[in-house]
Amino acid sequence: MSPEAVVASVFGKNLAVITDATSPETLAEWDSLGHVTLVIELESIYGVSFSAEETMALTSVKAIKDALRSQGVTW
């Protein structure tokens, strides 16, 4: 599952509207609770763990992809 698909699933959006630029600024549903839900889902799906600092840096789909790649994850 792609990071875009995870974001679309968590926030109930069509995959077609999710891009690297998707962020809390562009997606109203991506609030603080949504962010926590998204991080938990990412950790579960990809078998990774994010530090508090990394979690706070996951501010866009591009940032999520970069963080996953840094942990050796491919999709």
Protein backbone atom coordinates (compact mmCIF):
# COMPACT_ATOMS: atom_id res chain seq x y z
CA MET A 1 0.00 0.00 0.00
CA SER A 2 1.38 3.39 -0.96
CA PRO A 3 1.67 6.24 1.53
CA GLU A 4 -0.91 8.10 -0.55
CA ALA A 5 -3.32 5.18 -0.15
CA VAL A 6 -2.78 5.16 3.62
CA VAL A 7 -3.51 8.89 3.85
CA ALA A 8 -6.60 8.49 1.65
CA SER A 9 -7.84 5.61 3.78
CA VAL A 10 -7.25 7.31 7.14
CA PHE A 11 -8.98 10.51 6.06
CA GLY A 12 -11.72 8.96 3.91
CA LYS A 13 -10.59 10.65 0.72
CA ASN A 14 -10.35 9.49 -2.87
CA LEU A 15 -6.80 8.40 -3.68
CA ALA A 16 -6.85 10.65 -6.75
CA VAL A 17 -6.83 13.80 -4.58
CA ILE A 18 -3.79 12.76 -2.50
CA THR A 19 -0.43 14.06 -3.75
CA ASP A 20 3.04 14.68 -2.30
CA ALA A 21 1.82 18.17 -1.41
CA THR A 22 -1.12 16.91 0.67
CA SER A 23 -0.73 18.21 4.23
CA PRO A 24 -2.76 19.49 7.17
CA GLU A 25 -2.94 22.81 5.32
CA THR A 26 -4.61 21.22 2.29
CA LEU A 27 -6.74 18.56 4.01
CA ALA A 28 -9.17 19.75 6.68
CA GLU A 29 -9.49 16.27 8.18
CA TRP A 30 -5.75 16.19 8.96
CA ASP A 31 -6.04 17.71 12.43
CA SER A 32 -4.13 16.70 15.57
CA LEU A 33 -6.24 13.60 16.23
CA GLY A 34 -6.08 12.68 12.57
CA HIS A 35 -2.31 13.04 12.66
CA VAL A 36 -2.01 10.59 15.56
CA THR A 37 -4.33 8.15 13.78
CA LEU A 38 -2.28 8.47 10.59
CA VAL A 39 1.03 7.85 12.39
CA ILE A 40 -0.35 4.76 14.15
CA GLU A 41 -1.63 3.42 10.83
CA LEU A 42 1.71 4.08 9.09
CA GLU A 43 3.61 2.32 11.87
CA SER A 44 1.25 -0.65 11.72
CA ILE A 45 1.24 -1.03 7.94
CA TYR A 46 4.97 -0.55 7.39
CA GLY A 47 6.26 -2.14 10.59
CA VAL A 48 8.21 0.94 11.63
CA SER A 49 8.33 3.15 14.68
CA PHE A 50 8.62 6.92 14.61
CA SER A 51 10.18 8.96 17.39
CA ALA A 52 8.28 11.94 18.76
CA GLU A 53 10.50 14.24 16.68
CA GLU A 54 9.90 12.20 13.51
CA THR A 55 6.17 12.13 14.21
CA MET A 56 6.05 15.92 14.40
CA ALA A 57 7.95 16.17 11.09
CA LEU A 58 5.39 14.09 9.17
CA THR A 59 3.68 17.18 7.84
CA SER A 60 3.00 16.13 4.24
CA VAL A 61 2.81 13.04 2.08
CA LYS A 62 6.29 13.88 0.77
CA ALA A 63 7.64 14.05 4.33
CA ILE A 64 6.00 10.70 5.11
CA LYS A 65 7.64 9.12 2.06
CA ASP A 66 11.04 10.56 3.00
CA ALA A 67 10.71 9.27 6.59
CA LEU A 68 9.69 5.81 5.40
CA ARG A 69 12.57 5.68 2.91
CA SER A 70 15.01 6.65 5.68
CA GLN A 71 13.88 3.53 7.53
CA GLY A 72 14.40 1.34 4.45
CA VAL A 73 10.72 1.00 3.58
CA THR A 74 9.63 0.56 -0.02
CA TRP A 75 6.13 0.27 -1.37
